[in-house]
Amino acid sequence: MATATYPPPPPYYRLYKDYLQDPNSAPDPPPPIEGTYLCFGANYTTSDVLPTLEEQGVRQLYSKGPNVDFKKELRSLNGELQLHVLELADILIERPSQYARRVEEISTVFKNLHHLLNSLRPHQARATLIHILELQIQRRKQAVEDIKKYILYFTYCFLNCI
């Protein structure tokens, strides 16, 4: 009985047999998925819309509206979180049976912090992309300057050697 180290290729490799002679002979790629799809038993959607806290069933603790001051709200929620943790420590010492409400409040504050931070992700991605592009421009300008220096140097050497 013979065994192969690797399994045979899938049968659709034959669709690409003339690709080297004619690159347009390959089949078109499948269209992108739109809407919802199932992956490993969970439903996902292709839209990148951040659901609101109300849609998630969480009480929103920071101001609503398009002009949210993220820095102020994050500091406020951080202070509130510290206060709730201290209150939880106090309750655990004095009345250990009444800790559940404080844990729920801490959970709500964490969910609000998480939601605010996720709201900043597009801004972070944009700033990171701008930074990467600026670095690429800087490197390319430096490469052009280096090439100009080498051209001048070799021109000088060539003219002095003649």
N, C-alpha and C. Protein backbone atom coordinates (compact mmCIF):
# COMPACT_ATOMS: atom_id res chain seq x y z
N MET A 1 0.85 -1.19 0.00
CA MET A 1 0.00 0.00 0.00
C MET A 1 0.88 1.24 0.00
N ALA A 2 0.70 2.12 -0.96
CA ALA A 2 1.49 3.34 -1.07
C ALA A 2 0.76 4.50 -0.40
N THR A 3 1.51 5.29 0.30
CA THR A 3 0.92 6.48 0.92
C THR A 3 1.67 7.70 0.43
N ALA A 4 0.95 8.79 0.29
CA ALA A 4 1.54 10.04 -0.18
C ALA A 4 1.83 10.94 1.01
N THR A 5 2.92 11.67 0.91
CA THR A 5 3.26 12.60 1.98
C THR A 5 2.24 13.73 2.04
N TYR A 6 1.85 14.21 0.87
CA TYR A 6 0.88 15.29 0.80
C TYR A 6 -0.34 14.81 0.03
N PRO A 7 -1.52 15.31 0.36
CA PRO A 7 -2.72 14.89 -0.39
C PRO A 7 -2.70 15.51 -1.78
N PRO A 8 -3.44 14.93 -2.72
CA PRO A 8 -3.48 15.51 -4.07
C PRO A 8 -4.16 16.88 -4.04
N PRO A 9 -3.87 17.72 -5.02
CA PRO A 9 -4.50 19.05 -5.04
C PRO A 9 -5.99 18.92 -5.31
N PRO A 10 -6.75 19.93 -4.93
CA PRO A 10 -8.19 19.88 -5.20
C PRO A 10 -8.44 19.90 -6.71
N PRO A 11 -9.57 19.38 -7.16
CA PRO A 11 -9.80 19.24 -8.60
C PRO A 11 -9.91 20.56 -9.36
N TYR A 12 -10.18 21.67 -8.69
CA TYR A 12 -10.35 22.91 -9.43
C TYR A 12 -9.02 23.53 -9.86
N TYR A 13 -7.89 22.88 -9.59
CA TYR A 13 -6.61 23.41 -10.08
C TYR A 13 -6.57 23.36 -11.61
N ARG A 14 -7.37 22.50 -12.21
CA ARG A 14 -7.39 22.39 -13.66
C ARG A 14 -7.93 23.66 -14.34
N LEU A 15 -8.66 24.46 -13.57
CA LEU A 15 -9.19 25.71 -14.13
C LEU A 15 -8.08 26.71 -14.44
N TYR A 16 -6.89 26.50 -13.87
CA TYR A 16 -5.79 27.44 -14.01
C TYR A 16 -4.67 26.92 -14.91
N LYS A 17 -4.92 25.89 -15.72
CA LYS A 17 -3.85 25.25 -16.49
C LYS A 17 -3.27 26.16 -17.58
N ASP A 18 -4.07 27.07 -18.13
CA ASP A 18 -3.59 27.96 -19.18
C ASP A 18 -3.24 29.35 -18.65
N TYR A 19 -3.07 29.49 -17.35
CA TYR A 19 -2.89 30.80 -16.75
C TYR A 19 -1.59 31.48 -17.19
N LEU A 20 -0.52 30.71 -17.36
CA LEU A 20 0.76 31.31 -17.74
C LEU A 20 0.70 31.89 -19.15
N GLN A 21 0.00 31.24 -20.07
CA GLN A 21 -0.11 31.73 -21.44
C GLN A 21 -1.14 32.87 -21.53
N ASP A 22 -2.24 32.73 -20.80
CA ASP A 22 -3.30 33.74 -20.84
C ASP A 22 -3.81 33.99 -19.42
N PRO A 23 -3.31 35.03 -18.75
CA PRO A 23 -3.73 35.29 -17.36
C PRO A 23 -5.23 35.58 -17.23
N ASN A 24 -5.90 35.97 -18.30
CA ASN A 24 -7.34 36.23 -18.25
C ASN A 24 -8.17 34.96 -18.32
N SER A 25 -7.53 33.80 -18.47
CA SER A 25 -8.28 32.55 -18.58
C SER A 25 -8.75 32.03 -17.22
N ALA A 26 -8.21 32.57 -16.13
CA ALA A 26 -8.61 32.10 -14.81
C ALA A 26 -10.03 32.56 -14.50
N PRO A 27 -10.76 31.77 -13.73
CA PRO A 27 -12.13 32.18 -13.38
C PRO A 27 -12.12 33.40 -12.46
N ASP A 28 -13.19 34.15 -12.52
CA ASP A 28 -13.32 35.32 -11.66
C ASP A 28 -13.43 34.87 -10.20
N PRO A 29 -12.92 35.68 -9.27
CA PRO A 29 -13.07 35.32 -7.85
C PRO A 29 -14.53 35.42 -7.43
N PRO A 30 -14.90 34.75 -6.38
CA PRO A 30 -16.29 34.84 -5.94
C PRO A 30 -16.61 36.25 -5.45
N PRO A 31 -17.86 36.67 -5.54
CA PRO A 31 -18.21 38.02 -5.08
C PRO A 31 -18.06 38.11 -3.55
N PRO A 32 -17.79 39.30 -3.04
CA PRO A 32 -17.68 39.44 -1.58
C PRO A 32 -19.01 39.17 -0.89
N ILE A 33 -18.92 38.69 0.32
CA ILE A 33 -20.12 38.38 1.09
C ILE A 33 -20.74 39.68 1.57
N GLU A 34 -22.04 39.79 1.43
CA GLU A 34 -22.76 40.97 1.92
C GLU A 34 -23.84 40.52 2.87
N GLY A 35 -24.07 41.30 3.91
CA GLY A 35 -25.10 40.96 4.88
C GLY A 35 -24.54 40.09 5.99
N THR A 36 -25.31 39.10 6.40
CA THR A 36 -24.89 38.23 7.49
C THR A 36 -24.39 36.90 6.94
N TYR A 37 -23.51 36.27 7.71
CA TYR A 37 -22.99 34.96 7.33
C TYR A 37 -22.72 34.16 8.60
N LEU A 38 -22.61 32.86 8.45
CA LEU A 38 -22.40 31.95 9.56
C LEU A 38 -20.96 31.45 9.53
N CYS A 39 -20.26 31.56 10.64
CA CYS A 39 -18.87 31.11 10.74
C CYS A 39 -18.68 30.44 12.09
N PHE A 40 -18.34 29.17 12.09
CA PHE A 40 -18.15 28.39 13.32
C PHE A 40 -19.35 28.46 14.25
N GLY A 41 -20.54 28.45 13.66
CA GLY A 41 -21.77 28.41 14.45
C GLY A 41 -22.24 29.76 14.95
N ALA A 42 -21.53 30.84 14.67
CA ALA A 42 -21.94 32.17 15.12
C ALA A 42 -22.30 33.03 13.91
N ASN A 43 -23.31 33.87 14.07
CA ASN A 43 -23.72 34.78 13.01
C ASN A 43 -22.89 36.06 13.07
N TYR A 44 -22.37 36.47 11.91
CA TYR A 44 -21.61 37.70 11.79
C TYR A 44 -22.21 38.55 10.69
N THR A 45 -21.93 39.83 10.72
CA THR A 45 -22.40 40.74 9.69
C THR A 45 -21.20 41.45 9.07
N THR A 46 -21.34 41.85 7.82
CA THR A 46 -20.23 42.51 7.13
C THR A 46 -20.20 44.01 7.39
N SER A 47 -21.23 44.56 7.99
CA SER A 47 -21.22 45.99 8.29
C SER A 47 -20.42 46.23 9.58
N ASP A 48 -19.61 47.28 9.56
CA ASP A 48 -18.76 47.59 10.71
C ASP A 48 -19.36 48.71 11.55
N VAL A 49 -20.62 48.58 11.88
CA VAL A 49 -21.30 49.58 12.68
C VAL A 49 -21.22 49.16 14.15
N LEU A 50 -20.76 50.08 14.99
CA LEU A 50 -20.68 49.81 16.42
C LEU A 50 -22.08 49.93 17.01
N PRO A 51 -22.61 48.85 17.59
CA PRO A 51 -23.95 48.94 18.17
C PRO A 51 -23.94 49.87 19.39
N THR A 52 -25.04 50.56 19.59
CA THR A 52 -25.13 51.46 20.74
C THR A 52 -25.26 50.64 22.02
N LEU A 53 -25.03 51.31 23.14
CA LEU A 53 -25.16 50.62 24.42
C LEU A 53 -26.60 50.21 24.66
N GLU A 54 -27.56 51.02 24.21
CA GLU A 54 -28.97 50.67 24.39
C GLU A 54 -29.32 49.39 23.64
N GLU A 55 -28.74 49.24 22.43
CA GLU A 55 -28.99 48.02 21.65
C GLU A 55 -28.42 46.80 22.35
N GLN A 56 -27.37 46.99 23.15
CA GLN A 56 -26.76 45.90 23.89
C GLN A 56 -27.41 45.69 25.26
N GLY A 57 -28.37 46.55 25.61
CA GLY A 57 -29.06 46.42 26.88
C GLY A 57 -28.27 46.95 28.07
N VAL A 58 -27.42 47.95 27.82
CA VAL A 58 -26.58 48.53 28.87
C VAL A 58 -26.94 50.00 29.01
N ARG A 59 -27.03 50.47 30.25
CA ARG A 59 -27.34 51.88 30.52
C ARG A 59 -26.12 52.73 30.17
N GLN A 60 -26.34 53.81 29.41
CA GLN A 60 -25.24 54.68 29.00
C GLN A 60 -24.99 55.71 30.09
N LEU A 61 -23.74 55.79 30.56
CA LEU A 61 -23.38 56.67 31.67
C LEU A 61 -22.77 57.99 31.22
N TYR A 62 -22.42 58.12 29.97
CA TYR A 62 -21.83 59.36 29.49
C TYR A 62 -22.81 60.08 28.59
N SER A 63 -22.51 61.33 28.26
CA SER A 63 -23.43 62.16 27.50
C SER A 63 -23.63 61.61 26.09
N LYS A 64 -24.85 61.77 25.59
CA LYS A 64 -25.18 61.30 24.25
C LYS A 64 -25.00 62.44 23.26
N GLY A 65 -24.86 62.09 22.02
CA GLY A 65 -24.75 63.11 20.98
C GLY A 65 -23.51 62.91 20.14
N PRO A 66 -23.45 63.65 19.03
CA PRO A 66 -22.32 63.47 18.12
C PRO A 66 -21.02 64.11 18.63
N ASN A 67 -21.12 65.12 19.45
CA ASN A 67 -19.93 65.84 19.93
C ASN A 67 -19.59 65.43 21.36
N VAL A 68 -19.11 64.21 21.52
CA VAL A 68 -18.74 63.71 22.83
C VAL A 68 -17.27 64.07 23.08
N ASP A 69 -17.00 64.64 24.25
CA ASP A 69 -15.62 64.92 24.64
C ASP A 69 -15.06 63.65 25.26
N PHE A 70 -14.35 62.87 24.44
CA PHE A 70 -13.89 61.55 24.87
C PHE A 70 -12.96 61.63 26.08
N LYS A 71 -12.08 62.59 26.07
CA LYS A 71 -11.11 62.70 27.16
C LYS A 71 -11.82 62.96 28.48
N LYS A 72 -12.76 63.89 28.46
CA LYS A 72 -13.51 64.23 29.68
C LYS A 72 -14.35 63.04 30.16
N GLU A 73 -15.02 62.40 29.22
CA GLU A 73 -15.89 61.28 29.58
C GLU A 73 -15.09 60.08 30.10
N LEU A 74 -13.93 59.80 29.47
CA LEU A 74 -13.11 58.68 29.95
C LEU A 74 -12.57 58.96 31.35
N ARG A 75 -12.15 60.19 31.59
CA ARG A 75 -11.68 60.53 32.94
C ARG A 75 -12.81 60.41 33.96
N SER A 76 -13.99 60.87 33.58
CA SER A 76 -15.14 60.79 34.48
C SER A 76 -15.48 59.33 34.80
N LEU A 77 -15.52 58.49 33.76
CA LEU A 77 -15.84 57.08 33.98
C LEU A 77 -14.75 56.39 34.79
N ASN A 78 -13.50 56.78 34.58
CA ASN A 78 -12.40 56.20 35.36
C ASN A 78 -12.54 56.56 36.83
N GLY A 79 -12.87 57.82 37.12
CA GLY A 79 -13.10 58.22 38.51
C GLY A 79 -14.27 57.49 39.13
N GLU A 80 -15.33 57.33 38.34
CA GLU A 80 -16.51 56.60 38.81
C GLU A 80 -16.16 55.13 39.09
N LEU A 81 -15.35 54.55 38.24
CA LEU A 81 -14.92 53.17 38.44
C LEU A 81 -14.13 53.03 39.74
N GLN A 82 -13.22 53.96 39.99
CA GLN A 82 -12.44 53.92 41.24
C GLN A 82 -13.34 54.02 42.45
N LEU A 83 -14.33 54.91 42.38
CA LEU A 83 -15.27 55.06 43.48
C LEU A 83 -16.05 53.77 43.72
N HIS A 84 -16.52 53.14 42.67
CA HIS A 84 -17.30 51.90 42.81
C HIS A 84 -16.44 50.76 43.37
N VAL A 85 -15.17 50.71 42.98
CA VAL A 85 -14.28 49.66 43.51
C VAL A 85 -14.06 49.87 45.00
N LEU A 86 -13.86 51.12 45.41
CA LEU A 86 -13.70 51.40 46.84
C LEU A 86 -14.97 51.07 47.62
N GLU A 87 -16.12 51.41 47.04
CA GLU A 87 -17.40 51.07 47.69
C GLU A 87 -17.57 49.56 47.78
N LEU A 88 -17.15 48.83 46.75
CA LEU A 88 -17.23 47.37 46.78
C LEU A 88 -16.35 46.81 47.89
N ALA A 89 -15.15 47.36 48.04
CA ALA A 89 -14.27 46.89 49.12
C ALA A 89 -14.91 47.17 50.47
N ASP A 90 -15.53 48.32 50.63
CA ASP A 90 -16.20 48.67 51.89
C ASP A 90 -17.37 47.73 52.16
N ILE A 91 -18.17 47.45 51.15
CA ILE A 91 -19.32 46.56 51.32
C ILE A 91 -18.87 45.14 51.63
N LEU A 92 -17.79 44.68 50.99
CA LEU A 92 -17.30 43.33 51.26
C LEU A 92 -16.83 43.18 52.70
N ILE A 93 -16.38 44.27 53.29
CA ILE A 93 -15.95 44.22 54.69
C ILE A 93 -17.15 44.27 55.62
N GLU A 94 -18.09 45.21 55.36
CA GLU A 94 -19.20 45.43 56.30
C GLU A 94 -20.41 44.52 56.03
N ARG A 95 -20.84 44.41 54.77
CA ARG A 95 -22.04 43.62 54.43
C ARG A 95 -21.74 42.74 53.23
N PRO A 96 -21.04 41.63 53.41
CA PRO A 96 -20.61 40.81 52.27
C PRO A 96 -21.76 40.26 51.42
N SER A 97 -22.94 40.15 51.96
CA SER A 97 -24.04 39.57 51.19
C SER A 97 -24.62 40.55 50.17
N GLN A 98 -24.25 41.83 50.21
CA GLN A 98 -24.82 42.84 49.34
C GLN A 98 -23.84 43.33 48.26
N TYR A 99 -22.97 42.46 47.85
CA TYR A 99 -21.94 42.86 46.89
C TYR A 99 -22.42 42.84 45.43
N ALA A 100 -23.48 42.10 45.14
CA ALA A 100 -23.90 41.86 43.74
C ALA A 100 -24.25 43.16 43.01
N ARG A 101 -24.91 44.08 43.70
CA ARG A 101 -25.31 45.34 43.05
C ARG A 101 -24.07 46.16 42.66
N ARG A 102 -23.07 46.20 43.53
CA ARG A 102 -21.84 46.95 43.24
C ARG A 102 -21.07 46.32 42.08
N VAL A 103 -21.05 45.01 42.04
CA VAL A 103 -20.37 44.32 40.93
C VAL A 103 -21.08 44.65 39.62
N GLU A 104 -22.39 44.69 39.64
CA GLU A 104 -23.15 45.04 38.44
C GLU A 104 -22.86 46.48 38.01
N GLU A 105 -22.75 47.41 38.97
CA GLU A 105 -22.43 48.79 38.64
C GLU A 105 -21.03 48.90 38.03
N ILE A 106 -20.07 48.15 38.58
CA ILE A 106 -18.72 48.14 38.04
C ILE A 106 -18.73 47.58 36.62
N SER A 107 -19.52 46.55 36.40
CA SER A 107 -19.64 45.97 35.07
C SER A 107 -20.20 46.99 34.08
N THR A 108 -21.19 47.76 34.49
CA THR A 108 -21.77 48.79 33.63
C THR A 108 -20.74 49.86 33.28
N VAL A 109 -19.95 50.27 34.28
CA VAL A 109 -18.92 51.29 34.02
C VAL A 109 -17.89 50.73 33.03
N PHE A 110 -17.47 49.48 33.23
CA PHE A 110 -16.51 48.88 32.31
C PHE A 110 -17.06 48.79 30.89
N LYS A 111 -18.32 48.44 30.75
CA LYS A 111 -18.93 48.35 29.43
C LYS A 111 -18.99 49.73 28.76
N ASN A 112 -19.26 50.76 29.53
CA ASN A 112 -19.27 52.12 28.99
C ASN A 112 -17.87 52.55 28.57
N LEU A 113 -16.86 52.25 29.39
CA LEU A 113 -15.47 52.55 29.04
C LEU A 113 -15.08 51.83 27.75
N HIS A 114 -15.43 50.57 27.67
CA HIS A 114 -15.11 49.76 26.50
C HIS A 114 -15.77 50.32 25.25
N HIS A 115 -17.02 50.74 25.38
CA HIS A 115 -17.76 51.29 24.24
C HIS A 115 -17.13 52.60 23.79
N LEU A 116 -16.75 53.45 24.73
CA LEU A 116 -16.11 54.72 24.36
C LEU A 116 -14.79 54.47 23.64
N LEU A 117 -14.00 53.53 24.14
CA LEU A 117 -12.73 53.22 23.50
C LEU A 117 -12.94 52.63 22.11
N ASN A 118 -13.95 51.79 21.94
CA ASN A 118 -14.24 51.24 20.61
C ASN A 118 -14.72 52.32 19.66
N SER A 119 -15.35 53.37 20.19
CA SER A 119 -15.77 54.49 19.34
C SER A 119 -14.57 55.25 18.79
N LEU A 120 -13.44 55.17 19.48
CA LEU A 120 -12.22 55.86 19.04
C LEU A 120 -11.40 55.05 18.06
N ARG A 121 -11.73 53.80 17.83
CA ARG A 121 -10.92 52.94 16.95
C ARG A 121 -10.78 53.49 15.53
N PRO A 122 -11.83 54.01 14.87
CA PRO A 122 -11.63 54.55 13.52
C PRO A 122 -10.65 55.73 13.50
N HIS A 123 -10.70 56.58 14.53
CA HIS A 123 -9.77 57.70 14.61
C HIS A 123 -8.34 57.20 14.78
N GLN A 124 -8.18 56.17 15.62
CA GLN A 124 -6.86 55.59 15.84
C GLN A 124 -6.32 54.97 14.54
N ALA A 125 -7.17 54.27 13.83
CA ALA A 125 -6.73 53.64 12.57
C ALA A 125 -6.33 54.70 11.55
N ARG A 126 -7.09 55.78 11.47
CA ARG A 126 -6.78 56.86 10.54
C ARG A 126 -5.45 57.52 10.90
N ALA A 127 -5.24 57.79 12.19
CA ALA A 127 -3.99 58.41 12.64
C ALA A 127 -2.80 57.49 12.40
N THR A 128 -2.97 56.20 12.62
CA THR A 128 -1.89 55.25 12.38
C THR A 128 -1.54 55.20 10.90
N LEU A 129 -2.54 55.19 10.04
CA LEU A 129 -2.31 55.17 8.60
C LEU A 129 -1.58 56.44 8.15
N ILE A 130 -1.99 57.59 8.66
CA ILE A 130 -1.31 58.84 8.33
C ILE A 130 0.15 58.79 8.75
N HIS A 131 0.41 58.28 9.95
CA HIS A 131 1.78 58.18 10.45
C HIS A 131 2.62 57.25 9.57
N ILE A 132 2.07 56.11 9.18
CA ILE A 132 2.80 55.17 8.32
C ILE A 132 3.12 55.81 6.97
N LEU A 133 2.15 56.52 6.39
CA LEU A 133 2.37 57.17 5.10
C LEU A 133 3.41 58.28 5.20
N GLU A 134 3.40 59.03 6.31
CA GLU A 134 4.41 60.07 6.51
C GLU A 134 5.81 59.46 6.62
N LEU A 135 5.92 58.33 7.32
CA LEU A 135 7.21 57.66 7.42
C LEU A 135 7.69 57.16 6.06
N GLN A 136 6.78 56.64 5.25
CA GLN A 136 7.15 56.18 3.91
C GLN A 136 7.64 57.34 3.05
N ILE A 137 6.96 58.46 3.14
CA ILE A 137 7.38 59.64 2.38
C ILE A 137 8.76 60.09 2.84
N GLN A 138 8.98 60.12 4.13
CA GLN A 138 10.27 60.52 4.68
C GLN A 138 11.39 59.58 4.21
N ARG A 139 11.14 58.27 4.24
CA ARG A 139 12.14 57.30 3.78
C ARG A 139 12.44 57.46 2.30
N ARG A 140 11.42 57.70 1.50
CA ARG A 140 11.63 57.85 0.06
C ARG A 140 12.39 59.14 -0.25
N LYS A 141 12.09 60.22 0.47
CA LYS A 141 12.85 61.46 0.27
C LYS A 141 14.31 61.25 0.65
N GLN A 142 14.54 60.51 1.73
CA GLN A 142 15.91 60.22 2.15
C GLN A 142 16.62 59.37 1.10
N ALA A 143 15.92 58.41 0.52
CA ALA A 143 16.52 57.57 -0.53
C ALA A 143 16.87 58.41 -1.75
N VAL A 144 16.02 59.35 -2.12
CA VAL A 144 16.31 60.22 -3.26
C VAL A 144 17.54 61.08 -2.96
N GLU A 145 17.62 61.60 -1.75
CA GLU A 145 18.80 62.41 -1.37
C GLU A 145 20.08 61.56 -1.40
N ASP A 146 19.99 60.33 -0.93
CA ASP A 146 21.16 59.44 -0.96
C ASP A 146 21.60 59.17 -2.39
N ILE A 147 20.62 58.94 -3.28
CA ILE A 147 20.95 58.70 -4.69
C ILE A 147 21.61 59.93 -5.30
N LYS A 148 21.10 61.12 -4.99
CA LYS A 148 21.70 62.35 -5.50
C LYS A 148 23.15 62.51 -5.02
N LYS A 149 23.39 62.17 -3.75
CA LYS A 149 24.75 62.25 -3.20
C LYS A 149 25.69 61.29 -3.92
N TYR A 150 25.22 60.07 -4.15
CA TYR A 150 26.04 59.08 -4.86
C TYR A 150 26.33 59.52 -6.29
N ILE A 151 25.33 60.09 -6.96
CA ILE A 151 25.52 60.56 -8.33
C ILE A 151 26.58 61.66 -8.36
N LEU A 152 26.48 62.61 -7.43
CA LEU A 152 27.47 63.69 -7.36
C LEU A 152 28.86 63.14 -7.06
N TYR A 153 28.93 62.19 -6.15
CA TYR A 153 30.21 61.61 -5.78
C TYR A 153 30.84 60.87 -6.96
N PHE A 154 30.06 60.03 -7.63
CA PHE A 154 30.60 59.28 -8.76
C PHE A 154 30.92 60.18 -9.94
N THR A 155 30.13 61.25 -10.13
CA THR A 155 30.43 62.21 -11.18
C THR A 155 31.76 62.91 -10.89
N TYR A 156 31.95 63.30 -9.64
CA TYR A 156 33.20 63.95 -9.23
C TYR A 156 34.38 62.99 -9.43
N CYS A 157 34.21 61.74 -9.00
CA CYS A 157 35.29 60.76 -9.16
C CYS A 157 35.59 60.50 -10.63
N PHE A 158 34.57 60.42 -11.44
CA PHE A 158 34.75 60.14 -12.86
C PHE A 158 35.48 61.29 -13.56
N LEU A 159 35.06 62.52 -13.24
CA LEU A 159 35.70 63.68 -13.87
C LEU A 159 37.13 63.86 -13.42
N ASN A 160 37.46 63.52 -12.18
CA ASN A 160 38.82 63.66 -11.68
C ASN A 160 39.73 62.51 -12.14
N CYS A 161 39.14 61.43 -12.52
CA CYS A 161 39.95 60.28 -12.96
C CYS A 161 40.36 60.41 -14.42
N ILE A 162 39.67 61.23 -15.18
CA ILE A 162 39.96 61.37 -16.61
C ILE A 162 41.15 62.23 -16.86
